PDB file of N, CA and C in Angstrom:
ATOM      1  N   MET A   1      -1.961  19.332  -0.389  1.00  0.00           N
ATOM      2  CA  MET A   1      -2.634  18.083   0.548  1.00  0.00           C
ATOM      3  C   MET A   1      -1.444  17.030   0.482  1.00  0.00           C
ATOM      4  N   SER A   2      -1.383  16.612   1.504  1.00  0.00           N
ATOM      5  CA  SER A   2      -0.251  15.399   1.845  1.00  0.00           C
ATOM      6  C   SER A   2      -0.984  14.038   1.248  1.00  0.00           C
ATOM      7  N   GLN A   3       0.107  13.271   0.977  1.00  0.00           N
ATOM      8  CA  GLN A   3      -0.242  11.956   0.509  1.00  0.00           C
ATOM      9  C   GLN A   3      -0.404  10.989   1.411  1.00  0.00           C
ATOM     10  N   CYS A   4      -0.652   9.848   1.333  1.00  0.00           N
ATOM     11  CA  CYS A   4      -0.926   8.713   2.539  1.00  0.00           C
ATOM     12  C   CYS A   4      -0.429   7.633   2.125  1.00  0.00           C
ATOM     13  N   ILE A   5       0.300   7.056   3.357  1.00  0.00           N
ATOM     14  CA  ILE A   5       0.847   5.627   3.178  1.00  0.00           C
ATOM     15  C   ILE A   5      -0.048   4.908   4.056  1.00  0.00           C
ATOM     16  N   VAL A   6      -0.625   3.866   3.687  1.00  0.00           N
ATOM     17  CA  VAL A   6      -1.018   2.838   4.704  1.00  0.00           C
ATOM     18  C   VAL A   6      -0.536   1.471   4.489  1.00  0.00           C
ATOM     19  N   ILE A   7      -0.108   0.960   5.705  1.00  0.00           N
ATOM     20  CA  ILE A   7       0.782  -0.139   5.870  1.00  0.00           C
ATOM     21  C   ILE A   7      -0.234  -1.317   6.312  1.00  0.00           C
ATOM     22  N   VAL A   8      -0.510  -2.458   5.531  1.00  0.00           N
ATOM     23  CA  VAL A   8      -1.566  -3.129   5.937  1.00  0.00           C
ATOM     24  C   VAL A   8      -0.815  -4.663   6.300  1.00  0.00           C
ATOM     25  N   GLN A   9      -1.047  -5.290   7.553  1.00  0.00           N
ATOM     26  CA  GLN A   9      -0.124  -6.427   7.906  1.00  0.00           C
ATOM     27  C   GLN A   9      -1.210  -7.453   8.683  1.00  0.00           C
ATOM     28  N   PHE A  10      -0.790  -8.674   7.962  1.00  0.00           N
ATOM     29  CA  PHE A  10      -1.635  -9.814   8.557  1.00  0.00           C
ATOM     30  C   PHE A  10      -0.645 -10.709   9.325  1.00  0.00           C
ATOM     31  N   ASP A  11      -1.069 -11.230  10.604  1.00  0.00           N
ATOM     32  CA  ASP A  11      -0.310 -11.913  11.286  1.00  0.00           C
ATOM     33  C   ASP A  11      -0.400 -13.576  10.792  1.00  0.00           C
ATOM     34  N   LEU A  12       0.434 -13.662   9.727  1.00  0.00           N
ATOM     35  CA  LEU A  12       0.299 -15.085   9.045  1.00  0.00           C
ATOM     36  C   LEU A  12       1.840 -15.443   9.142  1.00  0.00           C
ATOM     37  N   PRO A  13       2.077 -16.867   8.861  1.00  0.00           N
ATOM     38  CA  PRO A  13       3.426 -17.315   8.402  1.00  0.00           C
ATOM     39  C   PRO A  13       4.219 -16.683   7.385  1.00  0.00           C
ATOM     40  N   LYS A  14       5.423 -16.651   7.414  1.00  0.00           N
ATOM     41  CA  LYS A  14       5.991 -16.082   6.166  1.00  0.00           C
ATOM     42  C   LYS A  14       5.770 -17.412   4.919  1.00  0.00           C
ATOM     43  N   ARG A  15       5.553 -16.603   3.816  1.00  0.00           N
ATOM     44  CA  ARG A  15       5.435 -17.577   2.664  1.00  0.00           C
ATOM     45  C   ARG A  15       6.721 -17.795   1.878  1.00  0.00           C
ATOM     46  N   SER A  16       6.648 -19.037   1.084  1.00  0.00           N
ATOM     47  CA  SER A  16       7.963 -19.029   0.298  1.00  0.00           C
ATOM     48  C   SER A  16       7.766 -17.877  -0.569  1.00  0.00           C
ATOM     49  N   GLU A  17       9.076 -17.741  -1.342  1.00  0.00           N
ATOM     50  CA  GLU A  17       9.031 -16.695  -2.387  1.00  0.00           C
ATOM     51  C   GLU A  17       8.378 -17.053  -3.587  1.00  0.00           C
ATOM     52  N   GLU A  18       7.963 -18.182  -3.876  1.00  0.00           N
ATOM     53  CA  GLU A  18       7.111 -18.695  -4.886  1.00  0.00           C
ATOM     54  C   GLU A  18       5.690 -18.284  -4.771  1.00  0.00           C
ATOM     55  N   GLN A  19       5.404 -18.709  -3.290  1.00  0.00           N
ATOM     56  CA  GLN A  19       3.921 -18.487  -2.933  1.00  0.00           C
ATOM     57  C   GLN A  19       3.669 -16.960  -2.960  1.00  0.00           C
ATOM     58  N   ALA A  20       4.724 -16.329  -2.417  1.00  0.00           N
ATOM     59  CA  ALA A  20       4.273 -14.621  -2.139  1.00  0.00           C
ATOM     60  C   ALA A  20       4.078 -14.160  -3.698  1.00  0.00           C
ATOM     61  N   ILE A  21       5.113 -14.591  -4.530  1.00  0.00           N
ATOM     62  CA  ILE A  21       5.027 -13.989  -6.063  1.00  0.00           C
ATOM     63  C   ILE A  21       3.799 -14.452  -6.829  1.00  0.00           C
ATOM     64  N   ARG A  22       3.462 -15.503  -6.372  1.00  0.00           N
ATOM     65  CA  ARG A  22       2.108 -16.186  -7.175  1.00  0.00           C
ATOM     66  C   ARG A  22       0.812 -15.515  -6.551  1.00  0.00           C
ATOM     67  N   GLY A  23       0.651 -15.164  -5.206  1.00  0.00           N
ATOM     68  CA  GLY A  23      -0.356 -14.418  -4.873  1.00  0.00           C
ATOM     69  C   GLY A  23      -0.505 -12.945  -5.224  1.00  0.00           C
ATOM     70  N   ALA A  24       0.978 -12.451  -5.302  1.00  0.00           N
ATOM     71  CA  ALA A  24       0.912 -10.906  -5.496  1.00  0.00           C
ATOM     72  C   ALA A  24       0.389 -10.748  -7.019  1.00  0.00           C
ATOM     73  N   VAL A  25       0.922 -11.785  -7.861  1.00  0.00           N
ATOM     74  CA  VAL A  25       0.757 -11.413  -9.329  1.00  0.00           C
ATOM     75  C   VAL A  25      -0.739 -11.747  -9.616  1.00  0.00           C
ATOM     76  N   ALA A  26      -1.300 -12.614  -8.795  1.00  0.00           N
ATOM     77  CA  ALA A  26      -2.923 -12.892  -9.273  1.00  0.00           C
ATOM     78  C   ALA A  26      -3.543 -11.718  -8.778  1.00  0.00           C
ATOM     79  N   THR A  27      -3.446 -10.853  -7.689  1.00  0.00           N
ATOM     80  CA  THR A  27      -4.078  -9.873  -7.361  1.00  0.00           C
ATOM     81  C   THR A  27      -3.685  -8.291  -7.825  1.00  0.00           C
ATOM     82  N   ALA A  28      -2.516  -8.377  -8.352  1.00  0.00           N
ATOM     83  CA  ALA A  28      -1.876  -7.157  -8.792  1.00  0.00           C
ATOM     84  C   ALA A  28      -2.918  -6.353  -9.849  1.00  0.00           C
ATOM     85  N   PRO A  29      -3.701  -7.103 -10.726  1.00  0.00           N
ATOM     86  CA  PRO A  29      -4.617  -6.234 -11.617  1.00  0.00           C
ATOM     87  C   PRO A  29      -5.464  -5.317 -10.932  1.00  0.00           C
ATOM     88  N   ILE A  30      -5.922  -5.946  -9.737  1.00  0.00           N
ATOM     89  CA  ILE A  30      -6.916  -5.080  -8.813  1.00  0.00           C
ATOM     90  C   ILE A  30      -6.067  -3.810  -8.656  1.00  0.00           C
ATOM     91  N   TYR A  31      -5.072  -3.732  -8.157  1.00  0.00           N
ATOM     92  CA  TYR A  31      -4.318  -2.546  -7.750  1.00  0.00           C
ATOM     93  C   TYR A  31      -3.858  -1.544  -8.961  1.00  0.00           C
ATOM     94  N   ARG A  32      -3.638  -2.126 -10.153  1.00  0.00           N
ATOM     95  CA  ARG A  32      -3.223  -1.310 -11.395  1.00  0.00           C
ATOM     96  C   ARG A  32      -4.670  -0.595 -11.611  1.00  0.00           C
ATOM     97  N   GLU A  33      -5.836  -1.183 -11.430  1.00  0.00           N
ATOM     98  CA  GLU A  33      -6.941  -0.556 -11.763  1.00  0.00           C
ATOM     99  C   GLU A  33      -7.300   0.796 -10.739  1.00  0.00           C
ATOM    100  N   LEU A  34      -6.692   0.727  -9.477  1.00  0.00           N
ATOM    101  CA  LEU A  34      -6.872   1.727  -8.496  1.00  0.00           C
ATOM    102  C   LEU A  34      -6.090   2.924  -8.831  1.00  0.00           C
ATOM    103  N   ALA A  35      -5.232   3.164  -9.830  1.00  0.00           N
ATOM    104  CA  ALA A  35      -4.586   4.133 -10.240  1.00  0.00           C
ATOM    105  C   ALA A  35      -5.496   5.352 -10.252  1.00  0.00           C
ATOM    106  N   ARG A  36      -6.751   4.813 -11.115  1.00  0.00           N
ATOM    107  CA  ARG A  36      -7.741   5.859 -11.488  1.00  0.00           C
ATOM    108  C   ARG A  36      -8.357   6.420  -9.988  1.00  0.00           C
ATOM    109  N   LYS A  37      -7.975   5.906  -8.892  1.00  0.00           N
ATOM    110  CA  LYS A  37      -8.668   6.113  -7.625  1.00  0.00           C
ATOM    111  C   LYS A  37      -7.736   6.613  -6.771  1.00  0.00           C
ATOM    112  N   GLY A  38      -6.371   7.012  -7.220  1.00  0.00           N
ATOM    113  CA  GLY A  38      -5.462   7.712  -6.370  1.00  0.00           C
ATOM    114  C   GLY A  38      -4.598   6.567  -5.780  1.00  0.00           C
ATOM    115  N   LEU A  39      -4.646   5.303  -6.145  1.00  0.00           N
ATOM    116  CA  LEU A  39      -3.289   4.605  -5.634  1.00  0.00           C
ATOM    117  C   LEU A  39      -2.062   4.879  -6.572  1.00  0.00           C
ATOM    118  N   ILE A  40      -0.885   5.207  -6.104  1.00  0.00           N
ATOM    119  CA  ILE A  40       0.021   5.296  -6.801  1.00  0.00           C
ATOM    120  C   ILE A  40       0.898   4.264  -6.872  1.00  0.00           C
ATOM    121  N   ARG A  41       1.339   3.402  -5.765  1.00  0.00           N
ATOM    122  CA  ARG A  41       2.064   2.195  -5.716  1.00  0.00           C
ATOM    123  C   ARG A  41       1.775   1.327  -4.774  1.00  0.00           C
ATOM    124  N   LYS A  42       1.885   0.014  -4.757  1.00  0.00           N
ATOM    125  CA  LYS A  42       1.679  -0.890  -3.785  1.00  0.00           C
ATOM    126  C   LYS A  42       2.852  -1.919  -3.850  1.00  0.00           C
ATOM    127  N   ASN A  43       3.473  -2.066  -2.662  1.00  0.00           N
ATOM    128  CA  ASN A  43       4.528  -3.107  -2.469  1.00  0.00           C
ATOM    129  C   ASN A  43       3.976  -4.069  -1.593  1.00  0.00           C
ATOM    130  N   TYR A  44       3.914  -5.428  -2.086  1.00  0.00           N
ATOM    131  CA  TYR A  44       3.734  -6.497  -1.357  1.00  0.00           C
ATOM    132  C   TYR A  44       4.777  -6.980  -0.461  1.00  0.00           C
ATOM    133  N   LEU A  45       4.378  -7.156   0.984  1.00  0.00           N
ATOM    134  CA  LEU A  45       5.367  -7.608   1.803  1.00  0.00           C
ATOM    135  C   LEU A  45       5.091  -9.190   2.233  1.00  0.00           C
ATOM    136  N   ASN A  46       6.256  -9.708   2.474  1.00  0.00           N
ATOM    137  CA  ASN A  46       6.307 -11.240   2.814  1.00  0.00           C
ATOM    138  C   ASN A  46       7.407 -11.317   3.902  1.00  0.00           C
ATOM    139  N   GLY A  47       7.388 -11.385   5.084  1.00  0.00           N
ATOM    140  CA  GLY A  47       8.484 -11.428   6.282  1.00  0.00           C
ATOM    141  C   GLY A  47       8.150 -12.281   7.434  1.00  0.00           C
ATOM    142  N   ASP A  48       9.143 -12.426   8.198  1.00  0.00           N
ATOM    143  CA  ASP A  48       8.801 -13.215   9.320  1.00  0.00           C
ATOM    144  C   ASP A  48       7.645 -12.411  10.241  1.00  0.00           C
ATOM    145  N   ALA A  49       7.538 -11.249  10.243  1.00  0.00           N
ATOM    146  CA  ALA A  49       6.568 -10.534  10.836  1.00  0.00           C
ATOM    147  C   ALA A  49       5.147 -10.860  10.243  1.00  0.00           C
ATOM    148  N   GLY A  50       5.174 -11.423   9.005  1.00  0.00           N
ATOM    149  CA  GLY A  50       3.818 -11.578   8.347  1.00  0.00           C
ATOM    150  C   GLY A  50       3.787 -11.226   6.979  1.00  0.00           C
ATOM    151  N   THR A  51       2.445 -10.940   6.623  1.00  0.00           N
ATOM    152  CA  THR A  51       2.363 -10.508   5.189  1.00  0.00           C
ATOM    153  C   THR A  51       1.739  -9.424   5.151  1.00  0.00           C
ATOM    154  N   GLY A  52       1.610  -8.988   3.788  1.00  0.00           N
ATOM    155  CA  GLY A  52       0.701  -7.604   3.719  1.00  0.00           C
ATOM    156  C   GLY A  52       0.905  -6.862   2.471  1.00  0.00           C
ATOM    157  N   GLY A  53       0.862  -5.301   2.748  1.00  0.00           N
ATOM    158  CA  GLY A  53       1.282  -4.745   1.667  1.00  0.00           C
ATOM    159  C   GLY A  53       1.462  -2.910   2.190  1.00  0.00           C
ATOM    160  N   VAL A  54       2.243  -2.304   1.437  1.00  0.00           N
ATOM    161  CA  VAL A  54       2.357  -0.861   1.830  1.00  0.00           C
ATOM    162  C   VAL A  54       1.682  -0.127   0.540  1.00  0.00           C
ATOM    163  N   TYR A  55       0.724   0.646   0.889  1.00  0.00           N
ATOM    164  CA  TYR A  55       0.162   1.470  -0.273  1.00  0.00           C
ATOM    165  C   TYR A  55       0.523   2.938  -0.364  1.00  0.00           C
ATOM    166  N   PHE A  56       0.687   3.300  -1.198  1.00  0.00           N
ATOM    167  CA  PHE A  56       1.046   4.858  -1.378  1.00  0.00           C
ATOM    168  C   PHE A  56      -0.092   5.469  -2.032  1.00  0.00           C
ATOM    169  N   TRP A  57      -0.717   6.458  -1.453  1.00  0.00           N
ATOM    170  CA  TRP A  57      -2.154   7.147  -2.015  1.00  0.00           C
ATOM    171  C   TRP A  57      -1.691   8.390  -2.383  1.00  0.00           C
ATOM    172  N   GLU A  58      -2.641   8.926  -3.106  1.00  0.00           N
ATOM    173  CA  GLU A  58      -2.376  10.411  -3.478  1.00  0.00           C
ATOM    174  C   GLU A  58      -2.932  11.261  -2.270  1.00  0.00           C
ATOM    175  N   SER A  59      -3.900  10.667  -1.339  1.00  0.00           N
ATOM    176  CA  SER A  59      -4.529  11.657  -0.539  1.00  0.00           C
ATOM    177  C   SER A  59      -4.970  10.411   0.545  1.00  0.00           C
ATOM    178  N   ARG A  60      -5.422  10.903   1.988  1.00  0.00           N
ATOM    179  CA  ARG A  60      -5.810  10.277   2.722  1.00  0.00           C
ATOM    180  C   ARG A  60      -7.156   9.810   2.397  1.00  0.00           C
ATOM    181  N   ALA A  61      -8.055  10.833   1.843  1.00  0.00           N
ATOM    182  CA  ALA A  61      -9.151  10.481   1.392  1.00  0.00           C
ATOM    183  C   ALA A  61      -9.593   9.294   0.369  1.00  0.00           C
ATOM    184  N   ASP A  62      -8.461   9.147  -0.626  1.00  0.00           N
ATOM    185  CA  ASP A  62      -8.405   8.084  -1.313  1.00  0.00           C
ATOM    186  C   ASP A  62      -8.078   6.953  -0.772  1.00  0.00           C
ATOM    187  N   ALA A  63      -7.227   6.903   0.333  1.00  0.00           N
ATOM    188  CA  ALA A  63      -6.862   5.763   0.916  1.00  0.00           C
ATOM    189  C   ALA A  63      -8.263   5.152   1.672  1.00  0.00           C
ATOM    190  N   GLU A  64      -8.965   6.170   2.325  1.00  0.00           N
ATOM    191  CA  GLU A  64     -10.138   5.829   3.377  1.00  0.00           C
ATOM    192  C   GLU A  64     -11.375   5.545   2.276  1.00  0.00           C
ATOM    193  N   ALA A  65     -11.211   5.932   1.066  1.00  0.00           N
ATOM    194  CA  ALA A  65     -12.454   5.283   0.283  1.00  0.00           C
ATOM    195  C   ALA A  65     -12.083   3.869  -0.190  1.00  0.00           C
ATOM    196  N   TRP A  66     -11.219   3.655  -0.169  1.00  0.00           N
ATOM    197  CA  TRP A  66     -10.562   1.932  -0.256  1.00  0.00           C
ATOM    198  C   TRP A  66     -10.721   1.158   0.750  1.00  0.00           C
ATOM    199  N   PHE A  67     -10.344   1.775   1.829  1.00  0.00           N
ATOM    200  CA  PHE A  67     -10.083   0.828   3.045  1.00  0.00           C
ATOM    201  C   PHE A  67     -11.455   1.090   4.055  1.00  0.00           C
ATOM    202  N   THR A  68     -12.348   0.658   3.346  1.00  0.00           N
ATOM    203  CA  THR A  68     -13.591   0.598   4.223  1.00  0.00           C
ATOM    204  C   THR A  68     -13.981  -0.524   5.167  1.00  0.00           C
ATOM    205  N   GLU A  69     -14.844  -0.263   5.992  1.00  0.00           N
ATOM    206  CA  GLU A  69     -14.909  -1.590   6.862  1.00  0.00           C
ATOM    207  C   GLU A  69     -15.522  -2.767   6.056  1.00  0.00           C
ATOM    208  N   GLU A  70     -16.194  -2.476   4.892  1.00  0.00           N
ATOM    209  CA  GLU A  70     -16.318  -3.661   3.891  1.00  0.00           C
ATOM    210  C   GLU A  70     -15.593  -4.456   3.624  1.00  0.00           C
ATOM    211  N   ARG A  71     -13.955  -3.605   3.117  1.00  0.00           N
ATOM    212  CA  ARG A  71     -12.973  -4.197   2.387  1.00  0.00           C
ATOM    213  C   ARG A  71     -12.220  -4.921   3.484  1.00  0.00           C
ATOM    214  N   ILE A  72     -12.273  -4.081   4.656  1.00  0.00           N
ATOM    215  CA  ILE A  72     -11.558  -4.881   5.951  1.00  0.00           C
ATOM    216  C   ILE A  72     -12.258  -6.345   6.199  1.00  0.00           C
ATOM    217  N   ALA A  73     -13.422  -6.420   6.064  1.00  0.00           N
ATOM    218  CA  ALA A  73     -14.190  -7.593   6.157  1.00  0.00           C
ATOM    219  C   ALA A  73     -13.847  -8.729   5.076  1.00  0.00           C
ATOM    220  N   GLN A  74     -13.709  -8.276   3.839  1.00  0.00           N
ATOM    221  CA  GLN A  74     -13.377  -9.032   2.687  1.00  0.00           C
ATOM    222  C   GLN A  74     -11.863  -9.631   3.111  1.00  0.00           C
ATOM    223  N   LEU A  75     -10.837  -8.657   3.282  1.00  0.00           N
ATOM    224  CA  LEU A  75      -9.750  -9.077   3.454  1.00  0.00           C
ATOM    225  C   LEU A  75      -9.585 -10.142   4.785  1.00  0.00           C
ATOM    226  N   THR A  76     -10.308 -10.002   5.876  1.00  0.00           N
ATOM    227  CA  THR A  76     -10.348 -11.020   6.803  1.00  0.00           C
ATOM    228  C   THR A  76     -10.897 -12.030   6.544  1.00  0.00           C
ATOM    229  N   GLU A  77     -12.063 -12.389   5.668  1.00  0.00           N
ATOM    230  CA  GLU A  77     -12.587 -13.439   5.250  1.00  0.00           C
ATOM    231  C   GLU A  77     -11.356 -14.295   4.328  1.00  0.00           C
ATOM    232  N   ARG A  78     -10.840 -13.537   3.488  1.00  0.00           N
ATOM    233  CA  ARG A  78      -9.932 -14.182   2.542  1.00  0.00           C
ATOM    234  C   ARG A  78      -8.638 -14.742   3.289  1.00  0.00           C
ATOM    235  N   PHE A  79      -8.061 -14.159   4.367  1.00  0.00           N
ATOM    236  CA  PHE A  79      -6.869 -14.413   4.909  1.00  0.00           C
ATOM    237  C   PHE A  79      -6.977 -15.166   6.306  1.00  0.00           C
ATOM    238  N   GLY A  80      -8.281 -15.119   6.494  1.00  0.00           N
ATOM    239  CA  GLY A  80      -8.694 -15.989   7.901  1.00  0.00           C
ATOM    240  C   GLY A  80      -8.140 -15.118   9.183  1.00  0.00           C
ATOM    241  N   VAL A  81      -7.749 -13.787   8.967  1.00  0.00           N
ATOM    242  CA  VAL A  81      -7.320 -12.978  10.106  1.00  0.00           C
ATOM    243  C   VAL A  81      -7.455 -11.570   9.625  1.00  0.00           C
ATOM    244  N   ARG A  82      -7.822 -10.702  10.680  1.00  0.00           N
ATOM    245  CA  ARG A  82      -8.081  -9.355  10.635  1.00  0.00           C
ATOM    246  C   ARG A  82      -6.660  -8.582  10.373  1.00  0.00           C
ATOM    247  N   PRO A  83      -6.588  -7.900   9.287  1.00  0.00           N
ATOM    248  CA  PRO A  83      -5.494  -7.027   9.076  1.00  0.00           C
ATOM    249  C   PRO A  83      -5.221  -5.825  10.153  1.00  0.00           C
ATOM    250  N   ARG A  84      -4.116  -5.449  10.350  1.00  0.00           N
ATOM    251  CA  ARG A  84      -3.613  -4.526  11.166  1.00  0.00           C
ATOM    252  C   ARG A  84      -3.361  -3.263  10.025  1.00  0.00           C
ATOM    253  N   LEU A  85      -4.185  -2.062  10.324  1.00  0.00           N
ATOM    254  CA  LEU A  85      -3.704  -0.987   9.308  1.00  0.00           C
ATOM    255  C   LEU A  85      -2.975   0.206  10.345  1.00  0.00           C
ATOM    256  N   THR A  86      -1.804   0.605   9.822  1.00  0.00           N
ATOM    257  CA  THR A  86      -1.045   1.712  10.034  1.00  0.00           C
ATOM    258  C   THR A  86      -1.417   2.830   9.195  1.00  0.00           C
ATOM    259  N   TRP A  87      -1.723   4.296   9.596  1.00  0.00           N
ATOM    260  CA  TRP A  87      -1.973   5.302   8.762  1.00  0.00           C
ATOM    261  C   TRP A  87      -0.600   6.236   8.826  1.00  0.00           C
ATOM    262  N   TYR A  88       0.062   6.702   7.907  1.00  0.00           N
ATOM    263  CA  TYR A  88       0.629   7.838   7.806  1.00  0.00           C
ATOM    264  C   TYR A  88       0.310   9.018   6.685  1.00  0.00           C
ATOM    265  N   ASP A  89       0.660  10.069   7.237  1.00  0.00           N
ATOM    266  CA  ASP A  89       0.617  11.244   6.008  1.00  0.00           C
ATOM    267  C   ASP A  89       1.870  11.326   5.711  1.00  0.00           C
ATOM    268  N   THR A  90       2.239  11.737   4.504  1.00  0.00           N
ATOM    269  CA  THR A  90       3.445  11.664   4.003  1.00  0.00           C
ATOM    270  C   THR A  90       3.858  12.935   3.311  1.00  0.00           C
ATOM    271  N   HIS A  91       4.618  14.040   3.702  1.00  0.00           N
ATOM    272  CA  HIS A  91       4.685  15.181   3.065  1.00  0.00           C
ATOM    273  C   HIS A  91       6.151  15.396   2.142  1.00  0.00           C
ATOM    274  N   VAL A  92       7.027  14.731   2.442  1.00  0.00           N
ATOM    275  CA  VAL A  92       8.198  14.477   1.570  1.00  0.00           C
ATOM    276  C   VAL A  92       8.431  13.229   1.022  1.00  0.00           C
ATOM    277  N   THR A  93       8.901  13.176  -0.077  1.00  0.00           N
ATOM    278  CA  THR A  93       9.258  11.658  -0.927  1.00  0.00           C
ATOM    279  C   THR A  93      10.657  12.026  -1.602  1.00  0.00           C
ATOM    280  N   VAL A  94      11.658  11.021  -1.385  1.00  0.00           N
ATOM    281  CA  VAL A  94      12.619  11.171  -1.997  1.00  0.00           C
ATOM    282  C   VAL A  94      12.481  10.056  -3.264  1.00  0.00           C
ATOM    283  N   GLU A  95      12.442  10.473  -4.256  1.00  0.00           N
ATOM    284  CA  GLU A  95      12.238   9.681  -5.483  1.00  0.00           C
ATOM    285  C   GLU A  95      13.373   9.411  -6.323  1.00  0.00           C
ATOM    286  N   ASN A  96      14.289   8.572  -6.014  1.00  0.00           N
ATOM    287  CA  ASN A  96      15.697   8.526  -6.618  1.00  0.00           C
ATOM    288  C   ASN A  96      15.513   7.947  -8.184  1.00  0.00           C
ATOM    289  N   PRO A  97      14.484   6.997  -8.749  1.00  0.00           N
ATOM    290  CA  PRO A  97      14.626   6.920 -10.059  1.00  0.00           C
ATOM    291  C   PRO A  97      14.326   8.115 -10.794  1.00  0.00           C
ATOM    292  N   ALA A  98      13.612   8.937 -10.646  1.00  0.00           N
ATOM    293  CA  ALA A  98      13.358  10.219 -11.180  1.00  0.00           C
ATOM    294  C   ALA A  98      14.228  11.369 -10.716  1.00  0.00           C
ATOM    295  N   GLU A  99      15.199  11.033  -9.713  1.00  0.00           N
ATOM    296  CA  GLU A  99      15.988  12.116  -9.228  1.00  0.00           C
ATOM    297  C   GLU A  99      15.274  13.307  -8.922  1.00  0.00           C
ATOM    298  N   GLU A 100      14.283  12.951  -7.914  1.00  0.00           N
ATOM    299  CA  GLU A 100      13.530  14.268  -7.437  1.00  0.00           C
ATOM    300  C   GLU A 100      13.444  14.275  -6.023  1.00  0.00           C
ATOM    301  N   ILE A 101      12.904  15.318  -5.493  1.00  0.00           N
ATOM    302  CA  ILE A 101      12.456  15.530  -3.955  1.00  0.00           C
ATOM    303  C   ILE A 101      11.181  15.798  -4.197  1.00  0.00           C
ATOM    304  N   ARG A 102       9.943  15.293  -3.766  1.00  0.00           N
ATOM    305  CA  ARG A 102       8.580  15.995  -4.004  1.00  0.00           C
ATOM    306  C   ARG A 102       8.207  16.151  -2.491  1.00  0.00           C
ATOM    307  N   VAL A 103       7.157  17.354  -2.349  1.00  0.00           N
ATOM    308  CA  VAL A 103       6.713  17.786  -1.317  1.00  0.00           C
ATOM    309  C   VAL A 103       5.101  17.841  -1.844  1.00  0.00           C
ATOM    310  N   ASN A 104       4.506  17.063  -1.002  1.00  0.00           N
ATOM    311  CA  ASN A 104       2.907  16.931  -1.162  1.00  0.00           C
ATOM    312  C   ASN A 104       2.979  16.333  -2.795  1.00  0.00           C
ATOM    313  N   GLY A 105       3.627  15.604  -3.169  1.00  0.00           N
ATOM    314  CA  GLY A 105       3.456  15.259  -4.489  1.00  0.00           C
ATOM    315  C   GLY A 105       4.038  15.842  -5.768  1.00  0.00           C
ATOM    316  N   ARG A 106       4.633  17.223  -5.391  1.00  0.00           N
ATOM    317  CA  ARG A 106       5.231  17.919  -6.336  1.00  0.00           C
ATOM    318  C   ARG A 106       6.558  18.057  -6.201  1.00  0.00           C
ATOM    319  N   ALA A 107       7.182  18.055  -7.554  1.00  0.00           N
ATOM    320  CA  ALA A 107       8.696  18.175  -7.483  1.00  0.00           C
ATOM    321  C   ALA A 107       9.099  19.437  -6.984  1.00  0.00           C
ATOM    322  N   VAL A 108      10.391  19.524  -6.244  1.00  0.00           N
ATOM    323  CA  VAL A 108      10.737  20.650  -5.658  1.00  0.00           C
ATOM    324  C   VAL A 108      12.349  20.677  -5.557  1.00  0.00           C
ATOM    325  N   GLU A 109      13.025  21.720  -5.827  1.00  0.00           N
ATOM    326  CA  GLU A 109      14.536  21.921  -5.820  1.00  0.00           C
ATOM    327  C   GLU A 109      14.964  21.826  -4.276  1.00  0.00           C
ATOM    328  N   PRO A 110      15.963  21.053  -4.166  1.00  0.00           N
ATOM    329  CA  PRO A 110      16.702  20.855  -2.917  1.00  0.00           C
ATOM    330  C   PRO A 110      16.975  22.156  -2.195  1.00  0.00           C
ATOM    331  N   ALA A 111      17.057  22.333  -1.057  1.00  0.00           N
ATOM    332  CA  ALA A 111      17.353  23.460  -0.202  1.00  0.00           C
ATOM    333  C   ALA A 111      18.727  23.837  -0.102  1.00  0.00           C
TER     334      ALA A 111
END
């Protein structure tokens, strides 16, 4: 089963580094708890194109269980703008810190 990446983007002005860090650190515990629900990693985004996050999930089903219409409505209320979600299946990951290549979440030997 492939893993899933969801990119969430909000069309908002770029925040200062301090604002971005403060906002991310405040909400990070929510995403730590999602490890039990299939979230592998979340990277917070802050750039000229807006703000948001990159979510790396164990499966598309795990991602869909989190990103419900209710969740989208909560995010829209919180940020004042509806987020855009882009969904990707990801079959191969190069995991440099672990010195691994992963296919569907499992380490493989290079070809």
